[in-house]
Amino acid sequence: MIYKTKGTCSTQIELDLDPDHTIRSVAFTGGCNGNLKGICRLVTGRKAEEVIGLLEGTTCGFKKTSCPDQLARALKLAITNG
């Protein structure tokens, strides 16, 4: 799945989930390279629902969203669309 981010320095998130919602892979385009690589490593192998609970609502500076929050939104969409 490719998710176009909104309100962040990253422009998109590519993610792949198992049928049981385990995250197989995540990759961000743009944004803070090292931080986002770290996030990708931390969430790979975890259940999407767990990651959503951890990251949803995270803000960046004065923005109402962040790259982690956008990942949570992408995961919600992926789960909903099966």
PDB file of N, CA and C in Angstrom:
ATOM      1  N   MET A   1       0.848  -1.175   0.000  1.00  0.00           N
ATOM      2  CA  MET A   1       0.000   0.000   0.000  1.00  0.00           C
ATOM      3  C   MET A   1       0.892   1.236   0.000  1.00  0.00           C
ATOM      4  N   ILE A   2       0.495   2.241  -0.751  1.00  0.00           N
ATOM      5  CA  ILE A   2       1.175   3.528  -0.738  1.00  0.00           C
ATOM      6  C   ILE A   2       0.206   4.561  -0.184  1.00  0.00           C
ATOM      7  N   TYR A   3       0.638   5.269   0.860  1.00  0.00           N
ATOM      8  CA  TYR A   3      -0.174   6.285   1.527  1.00  0.00           C
ATOM      9  C   TYR A   3       0.507   7.633   1.334  1.00  0.00           C
ATOM     10  N   LYS A   4      -0.201   8.586   0.775  1.00  0.00           N
ATOM     11  CA  LYS A   4       0.309   9.948   0.599  1.00  0.00           C
ATOM     12  C   LYS A   4       0.083  10.711   1.901  1.00  0.00           C
ATOM     13  N   THR A   5       1.166  11.137   2.523  1.00  0.00           N
ATOM     14  CA  THR A   5       1.061  11.826   3.804  1.00  0.00           C
ATOM     15  C   THR A   5       0.556  13.256   3.621  1.00  0.00           C
ATOM     16  N   LYS A   6       0.038  13.807   4.704  1.00  0.00           N
ATOM     17  CA  LYS A   6      -0.484  15.179   4.709  1.00  0.00           C
ATOM     18  C   LYS A   6       0.072  15.910   5.926  1.00  0.00           C
ATOM     19  N   GLY A   7       0.655  17.097   5.698  1.00  0.00           N
ATOM     20  CA  GLY A   7       1.111  17.927   6.804  1.00  0.00           C
ATOM     21  C   GLY A   7       2.450  17.544   7.404  1.00  0.00           C
ATOM     22  N   THR A   8       3.247  16.743   6.676  1.00  0.00           N
ATOM     23  CA  THR A   8       4.552  16.331   7.191  1.00  0.00           C
ATOM     24  C   THR A   8       5.633  16.540   6.137  1.00  0.00           C
ATOM     25  N   CYS A   9       6.875  16.465   6.587  1.00  0.00           N
ATOM     26  CA  CYS A   9       8.010  16.580   5.657  1.00  0.00           C
ATOM     27  C   CYS A   9       8.097  15.360   4.746  1.00  0.00           C
ATOM     28  N   SER A  10       7.727  14.198   5.250  1.00  0.00           N
ATOM     29  CA  SER A  10       7.685  13.019   4.384  1.00  0.00           C
ATOM     30  C   SER A  10       6.493  13.161   3.435  1.00  0.00           C
ATOM     31  N   THR A  11       6.613  12.571   2.256  1.00  0.00           N
ATOM     32  CA  THR A  11       5.554  12.712   1.252  1.00  0.00           C
ATOM     33  C   THR A  11       4.721  11.458   1.077  1.00  0.00           C
ATOM     34  N   GLN A  12       5.282  10.310   1.433  1.00  0.00           N
ATOM     35  CA  GLN A  12       4.500   9.083   1.334  1.00  0.00           C
ATOM     36  C   GLN A  12       5.086   7.991   2.205  1.00  0.00           C
ATOM     37  N   ILE A  13       4.226   7.002   2.482  1.00  0.00           N
ATOM     38  CA  ILE A  13       4.618   5.829   3.258  1.00  0.00           C
ATOM     39  C   ILE A  13       4.229   4.602   2.440  1.00  0.00           C
ATOM     40  N   GLU A  14       5.171   3.697   2.264  1.00  0.00           N
ATOM     41  CA  GLU A  14       4.884   2.413   1.631  1.00  0.00           C
ATOM     42  C   GLU A  14       4.874   1.374   2.740  1.00  0.00           C
ATOM     43  N   LEU A  15       3.796   0.590   2.817  1.00  0.00           N
ATOM     44  CA  LEU A  15       3.734  -0.429   3.852  1.00  0.00           C
ATOM     45  C   LEU A  15       3.122  -1.708   3.334  1.00  0.00           C
ATOM     46  N   ASP A  16       3.512  -2.795   3.992  1.00  0.00           N
ATOM     47  CA  ASP A  16       3.031  -4.124   3.636  1.00  0.00           C
ATOM     48  C   ASP A  16       2.655  -4.846   4.920  1.00  0.00           C
ATOM     49  N   LEU A  17       1.429  -5.363   4.964  1.00  0.00           N
ATOM     50  CA  LEU A  17       0.929  -6.087   6.136  1.00  0.00           C
ATOM     51  C   LEU A  17       0.608  -7.528   5.776  1.00  0.00           C
ATOM     52  N   ASP A  18       0.809  -8.426   6.737  1.00  0.00           N
ATOM     53  CA  ASP A  18       0.324  -9.800   6.616  1.00  0.00           C
ATOM     54  C   ASP A  18      -1.194  -9.774   6.769  1.00  0.00           C
ATOM     55  N   PRO A  19      -1.875 -10.850   6.361  1.00  0.00           N
ATOM     56  CA  PRO A  19      -3.332 -10.904   6.557  1.00  0.00           C
ATOM     57  C   PRO A  19      -3.759 -10.759   8.024  1.00  0.00           C
ATOM     58  N   ASP A  20      -2.869 -11.125   8.965  1.00  0.00           N
ATOM     59  CA  ASP A  20      -3.208 -10.993  10.393  1.00  0.00           C
ATOM     60  C   ASP A  20      -2.812  -9.632  10.957  1.00  0.00           C
ATOM     61  N   HIS A  21      -2.484  -8.678  10.064  1.00  0.00           N
ATOM     62  CA  HIS A  21      -2.135  -7.291  10.403  1.00  0.00           C
ATOM     63  C   HIS A  21      -0.746  -7.121  11.014  1.00  0.00           C
ATOM     64  N   THR A  22       0.125  -8.111  10.852  1.00  0.00           N
ATOM     65  CA  THR A  22       1.519  -7.945  11.251  1.00  0.00           C
ATOM     66  C   THR A  22       2.223  -7.131  10.171  1.00  0.00           C
ATOM     67  N   ILE A  23       2.996  -6.138  10.593  1.00  0.00           N
ATOM     68  CA  ILE A  23       3.688  -5.272   9.642  1.00  0.00           C
ATOM     69  C   ILE A  23       4.900  -6.006   9.080  1.00  0.00           C
ATOM     70  N   ARG A  24       4.918  -6.202   7.768  1.00  0.00           N
ATOM     71  CA  ARG A  24       6.056  -6.837   7.093  1.00  0.00           C
ATOM     72  C   ARG A  24       7.150  -5.823   6.796  1.00  0.00           C
ATOM     73  N   SER A  25       6.741  -4.653   6.297  1.00  0.00           N
ATOM     74  CA  SER A  25       7.725  -3.621   5.957  1.00  0.00           C
ATOM     75  C   SER A  25       7.067  -2.251   5.925  1.00  0.00           C
ATOM     76  N   VAL A  26       7.886  -1.232   6.178  1.00  0.00           N
ATOM     77  CA  VAL A  26       7.461   0.166   6.122  1.00  0.00           C
ATOM     78  C   VAL A  26       8.627   0.971   5.565  1.00  0.00           C
ATOM     79  N   ALA A  27       8.331   1.923   4.667  1.00  0.00           N
ATOM     80  CA  ALA A  27       9.359   2.823   4.146  1.00  0.00           C
ATOM     81  C   ALA A  27       8.742   4.199   3.921  1.00  0.00           C
ATOM     82  N   PHE A  28       9.432   5.227   4.385  1.00  0.00           N
ATOM     83  CA  PHE A  28       8.997   6.611   4.203  1.00  0.00           C
ATOM     84  C   PHE A  28       9.777   7.227   3.046  1.00  0.00           C
ATOM     85  N   THR A  29       9.142   8.136   2.321  1.00  0.00           N
ATOM     86  CA  THR A  29       9.820   8.956   1.318  1.00  0.00           C
ATOM     87  C   THR A  29       9.902  10.367   1.881  1.00  0.00           C
ATOM     88  N   GLY A  30      11.121  10.904   1.953  1.00  0.00           N
ATOM     89  CA  GLY A  30      11.324  12.234   2.524  1.00  0.00           C
ATOM     90  C   GLY A  30      11.330  12.175   4.036  1.00  0.00           C
ATOM     91  N   GLY A  31      11.356  13.339   4.656  1.00  0.00           N
ATOM     92  CA  GLY A  31      11.347  13.415   6.104  1.00  0.00           C
ATOM     93  C   GLY A  31      12.725  13.249   6.713  1.00  0.00           C
ATOM     94  N   CYS A  32      12.783  13.055   8.009  1.00  0.00           N
ATOM     95  CA  CYS A  32      14.037  12.920   8.760  1.00  0.00           C
ATOM     96  C   CYS A  32      14.548  11.491   8.609  1.00  0.00           C
ATOM     97  N   ASN A  33      15.464  11.304   7.707  1.00  0.00           N
ATOM     98  CA  ASN A  33      15.912   9.991   7.274  1.00  0.00           C
ATOM     99  C   ASN A  33      16.230   9.028   8.412  1.00  0.00           C
ATOM    100  N   GLY A  34      17.114   9.402   9.294  1.00  0.00           N
ATOM    101  CA  GLY A  34      17.524   8.496  10.369  1.00  0.00           C
ATOM    102  C   GLY A  34      16.395   8.150  11.314  1.00  0.00           C
ATOM    103  N   ASN A  35      15.620   9.148  11.714  1.00  0.00           N
ATOM    104  CA  ASN A  35      14.497   8.903  12.624  1.00  0.00           C
ATOM    105  C   ASN A  35      13.475   7.973  11.997  1.00  0.00           C
ATOM    106  N   LEU A  36      13.170   8.194  10.728  1.00  0.00           N
ATOM    107  CA  LEU A  36      12.151   7.380  10.074  1.00  0.00           C
ATOM    108  C   LEU A  36      12.638   5.959   9.811  1.00  0.00           C
ATOM    109  N   LYS A  37      13.918   5.791   9.518  1.00  0.00           N
ATOM    110  CA  LYS A  37      14.472   4.433   9.395  1.00  0.00           C
ATOM    111  C   LYS A  37      14.351   3.705  10.729  1.00  0.00           C
ATOM    112  N   GLY A  38      14.612   4.434  11.820  1.00  0.00           N
ATOM    113  CA  GLY A  38      14.485   3.838  13.146  1.00  0.00           C
ATOM    114  C   GLY A  38      13.060   3.423  13.450  1.00  0.00           C
ATOM    115  N   ILE A  39      12.105   4.284  13.131  1.00  0.00           N
ATOM    116  CA  ILE A  39      10.697   3.947  13.338  1.00  0.00           C
ATOM    117  C   ILE A  39      10.336   2.703  12.543  1.00  0.00           C
ATOM    118  N   CYS A  40      10.768   2.637  11.294  1.00  0.00           N
ATOM    119  CA  CYS A  40      10.469   1.477  10.445  1.00  0.00           C
ATOM    120  C   CYS A  40      10.994   0.194  11.073  1.00  0.00           C
ATOM    121  N   ARG A  41      12.200   0.236  11.593  1.00  0.00           N
ATOM    122  CA  ARG A  41      12.778  -0.957  12.233  1.00  0.00           C
ATOM    123  C   ARG A  41      12.008  -1.338  13.500  1.00  0.00           C
ATOM    124  N   LEU A  42      11.586  -0.335  14.252  1.00  0.00           N
ATOM    125  CA  LEU A  42      10.876  -0.610  15.504  1.00  0.00           C
ATOM    126  C   LEU A  42       9.494  -1.213  15.280  1.00  0.00           C
ATOM    127  N   VAL A  43       8.813  -0.824  14.207  1.00  0.00           N
ATOM    128  CA  VAL A  43       7.436  -1.300  14.007  1.00  0.00           C
ATOM    129  C   VAL A  43       7.352  -2.586  13.179  1.00  0.00           C
ATOM    130  N   THR A  44       8.369  -2.884  12.403  1.00  0.00           N
ATOM    131  CA  THR A  44       8.337  -4.100  11.578  1.00  0.00           C
ATOM    132  C   THR A  44       8.270  -5.325  12.484  1.00  0.00           C
ATOM    133  N   GLY A  45       7.326  -6.212  12.178  1.00  0.00           N
ATOM    134  CA  GLY A  45       7.110  -7.419  12.975  1.00  0.00           C
ATOM    135  C   GLY A  45       6.061  -7.256  14.061  1.00  0.00           C
ATOM    136  N   ARG A  46       5.578  -6.044  14.283  1.00  0.00           N
ATOM    137  CA  ARG A  46       4.534  -5.802  15.288  1.00  0.00           C
ATOM    138  C   ARG A  46       3.156  -5.771  14.626  1.00  0.00           C
ATOM    139  N   LYS A  47       2.143  -5.957  15.424  1.00  0.00           N
ATOM    140  CA  LYS A  47       0.765  -5.855  14.948  1.00  0.00           C
ATOM    141  C   LYS A  47       0.423  -4.403  14.680  1.00  0.00           C
ATOM    142  N   ALA A  48      -0.287  -4.171  13.604  1.00  0.00           N
ATOM    143  CA  ALA A  48      -0.674  -2.809  13.221  1.00  0.00           C
ATOM    144  C   ALA A  48      -1.463  -2.140  14.335  1.00  0.00           C
ATOM    145  N   GLU A  49      -2.353  -2.862  14.976  1.00  0.00           N
ATOM    146  CA  GLU A  49      -3.182  -2.293  16.039  1.00  0.00           C
ATOM    147  C   GLU A  49      -2.329  -1.784  17.203  1.00  0.00           C
ATOM    148  N   GLU A  50      -1.276  -2.507  17.540  1.00  0.00           N
ATOM    149  CA  GLU A  50      -0.377  -2.085  18.619  1.00  0.00           C
ATOM    150  C   GLU A  50       0.339  -0.787  18.230  1.00  0.00           C
ATOM    151  N   VAL A  51       0.829  -0.733  16.998  1.00  0.00           N
ATOM    152  CA  VAL A  51       1.561   0.442  16.526  1.00  0.00           C
ATOM    153  C   VAL A  51       0.631   1.652  16.452  1.00  0.00           C
ATOM    154  N   ILE A  52      -0.599   1.445  16.006  1.00  0.00           N
ATOM    155  CA  ILE A  52      -1.575   2.536  15.965  1.00  0.00           C
ATOM    156  C   ILE A  52      -1.755   3.110  17.373  1.00  0.00           C
ATOM    157  N   GLY A  53      -1.909   2.252  18.352  1.00  0.00           N
ATOM    158  CA  GLY A  53      -2.084   2.687  19.729  1.00  0.00           C
ATOM    159  C   GLY A  53      -0.903   3.475  20.269  1.00  0.00           C
ATOM    160  N   LEU A  54       0.291   3.124  19.823  1.00  0.00           N
ATOM    161  CA  LEU A  54       1.489   3.812  20.288  1.00  0.00           C
ATOM    162  C   LEU A  54       1.717   5.153  19.598  1.00  0.00           C
ATOM    163  N   LEU A  55       1.409   5.250  18.312  1.00  0.00           N
ATOM    164  CA  LEU A  55       1.811   6.407  17.521  1.00  0.00           C
ATOM    165  C   LEU A  55       0.709   7.418  17.218  1.00  0.00           C
ATOM    166  N   GLU A  56      -0.532   6.986  17.263  1.00  0.00           N
ATOM    167  CA  GLU A  56      -1.646   7.867  16.905  1.00  0.00           C
ATOM    168  C   GLU A  56      -1.666   9.112  17.786  1.00  0.00           C
ATOM    169  N   GLY A  57      -1.809  10.266  17.151  1.00  0.00           N
ATOM    170  CA  GLY A  57      -1.908  11.522  17.887  1.00  0.00           C
ATOM    171  C   GLY A  57      -0.575  12.196  18.165  1.00  0.00           C
ATOM    172  N   THR A  58       0.531  11.572  17.785  1.00  0.00           N
ATOM    173  CA  THR A  58       1.848  12.186  17.966  1.00  0.00           C
ATOM    174  C   THR A  58       1.945  13.430  17.089  1.00  0.00           C
ATOM    175  N   THR A  59       2.429  14.527  17.668  1.00  0.00           N
ATOM    176  CA  THR A  59       2.572  15.766  16.904  1.00  0.00           C
ATOM    177  C   THR A  59       4.049  16.076  16.695  1.00  0.00           C
ATOM    178  N   CYS A  60       4.308  16.995  15.758  1.00  0.00           N
ATOM    179  CA  CYS A  60       5.673  17.424  15.446  1.00  0.00           C
ATOM    180  C   CYS A  60       5.711  18.951  15.529  1.00  0.00           C
ATOM    181  N   GLY A  61       6.377  19.461  16.540  1.00  0.00           N
ATOM    182  CA  GLY A  61       6.420  20.911  16.717  1.00  0.00           C
ATOM    183  C   GLY A  61       5.018  21.469  16.886  1.00  0.00           C
ATOM    184  N   PHE A  62       4.697  22.474  16.077  1.00  0.00           N
ATOM    185  CA  PHE A  62       3.368  23.090  16.143  1.00  0.00           C
ATOM    186  C   PHE A  62       2.369  22.449  15.183  1.00  0.00           C
ATOM    187  N   LYS A  63       2.791  21.417  14.463  1.00  0.00           N
ATOM    188  CA  LYS A  63       1.896  20.735  13.523  1.00  0.00           C
ATOM    189  C   LYS A  63       0.910  19.862  14.299  1.00  0.00           C
ATOM    190  N   LYS A  64      -0.245  19.630  13.715  1.00  0.00           N
ATOM    191  CA  LYS A  64      -1.265  18.794  14.354  1.00  0.00           C
ATOM    192  C   LYS A  64      -1.038  17.313  14.076  1.00  0.00           C
ATOM    193  N   THR A  65      -0.015  16.990  13.305  1.00  0.00           N
ATOM    194  CA  THR A  65       0.296  15.610  12.953  1.00  0.00           C
ATOM    195  C   THR A  65       1.808  15.449  12.938  1.00  0.00           C
ATOM    196  N   SER A  66       2.266  14.263  12.569  1.00  0.00           N
ATOM    197  CA  SER A  66       3.696  13.951  12.480  1.00  0.00           C
ATOM    198  C   SER A  66       3.837  12.726  11.577  1.00  0.00           C
ATOM    199  N   CYS A  67       5.063  12.372  11.273  1.00  0.00           N
ATOM    200  CA  CYS A  67       5.278  11.155  10.488  1.00  0.00           C
ATOM    201  C   CYS A  67       4.766   9.906  11.226  1.00  0.00           C
ATOM    202  N   PRO A  68       5.024   9.771  12.540  1.00  0.00           N
ATOM    203  CA  PRO A  68       4.450   8.627  13.246  1.00  0.00           C
ATOM    204  C   PRO A  68       2.920   8.628  13.230  1.00  0.00           C
ATOM    205  N   ASP A  69       2.298   9.796  13.394  1.00  0.00           N
ATOM    206  CA  ASP A  69       0.840   9.885  13.340  1.00  0.00           C
ATOM    207  C   ASP A  69       0.338   9.508  11.955  1.00  0.00           C
ATOM    208  N   GLN A  70       1.029   9.943  10.919  1.00  0.00           N
ATOM    209  CA  GLN A  70       0.635   9.594   9.557  1.00  0.00           C
ATOM    210  C   GLN A  70       0.765   8.086   9.329  1.00  0.00           C
ATOM    211  N   LEU A  71       1.770   7.461   9.931  1.00  0.00           N
ATOM    212  CA  LEU A  71       1.896   6.006   9.843  1.00  0.00           C
ATOM    213  C   LEU A  71       0.699   5.336  10.500  1.00  0.00           C
ATOM    214  N   ALA A  72       0.284   5.827  11.653  1.00  0.00           N
ATOM    215  CA  ALA A  72      -0.898   5.268  12.323  1.00  0.00           C
ATOM    216  C   ALA A  72      -2.126   5.396  11.432  1.00  0.00           C
ATOM    217  N   ARG A  73      -2.283   6.534  10.770  1.00  0.00           N
ATOM    218  CA  ARG A  73      -3.420   6.732   9.862  1.00  0.00           C
ATOM    219  C   ARG A  73      -3.351   5.775   8.674  1.00  0.00           C
ATOM    220  N   ALA A  74      -2.154   5.581   8.137  1.00  0.00           N
ATOM    221  CA  ALA A  74      -1.968   4.667   7.009  1.00  0.00           C
ATOM    222  C   ALA A  74      -2.320   3.242   7.421  1.00  0.00           C
ATOM    223  N   LEU A  75      -1.896   2.845   8.613  1.00  0.00           N
ATOM    224  CA  LEU A  75      -2.190   1.507   9.101  1.00  0.00           C
ATOM    225  C   LEU A  75      -3.689   1.308   9.314  1.00  0.00           C
ATOM    226  N   LYS A  76      -4.365   2.309   9.855  1.00  0.00           N
ATOM    227  CA  LYS A  76      -5.823   2.226  10.015  1.00  0.00           C
ATOM    228  C   LYS A  76      -6.504   2.007   8.673  1.00  0.00           C
ATOM    229  N   LEU A  77      -6.060   2.757   7.677  1.00  0.00           N
ATOM    230  CA  LEU A  77      -6.630   2.634   6.342  1.00  0.00           C
ATOM    231  C   LEU A  77      -6.360   1.264   5.749  1.00  0.00           C
ATOM    232  N   ALA A  78      -5.153   0.765   5.951  1.00  0.00           N
ATOM    233  CA  ALA A  78      -4.788  -0.562   5.433  1.00  0.00           C
ATOM    234  C   ALA A  78      -5.644  -1.655   6.052  1.00  0.00           C
ATOM    235  N   ILE A  79      -5.886  -1.546   7.343  1.00  0.00           N
ATOM    236  CA  ILE A  79      -6.715  -2.541   8.045  1.00  0.00           C
ATOM    237  C   ILE A  79      -8.157  -2.463   7.542  1.00  0.00           C
ATOM    238  N   THR A  80      -8.660  -1.260   7.397  1.00  0.00           N
ATOM    239  CA  THR A  80     -10.045  -1.056   6.949  1.00  0.00           C
ATOM    240  C   THR A  80     -10.262  -1.575   5.530  1.00  0.00           C
ATOM    241  N   ASN A  81      -9.278  -1.341   4.668  1.00  0.00           N
ATOM    242  CA  ASN A  81      -9.411  -1.737   3.259  1.00  0.00           C
ATOM    243  C   ASN A  81      -8.957  -3.153   2.996  1.00  0.00           C
ATOM    244  N   GLY A  82      -8.484  -3.835   4.051  1.00  0.00           N
ATOM    245  CA  GLY A  82      -8.109  -5.232   3.965  1.00  0.00           C
ATOM    246  C   GLY A  82      -6.995  -5.519   3.040  1.00  0.00           C
TER     247      GLY A  82
END
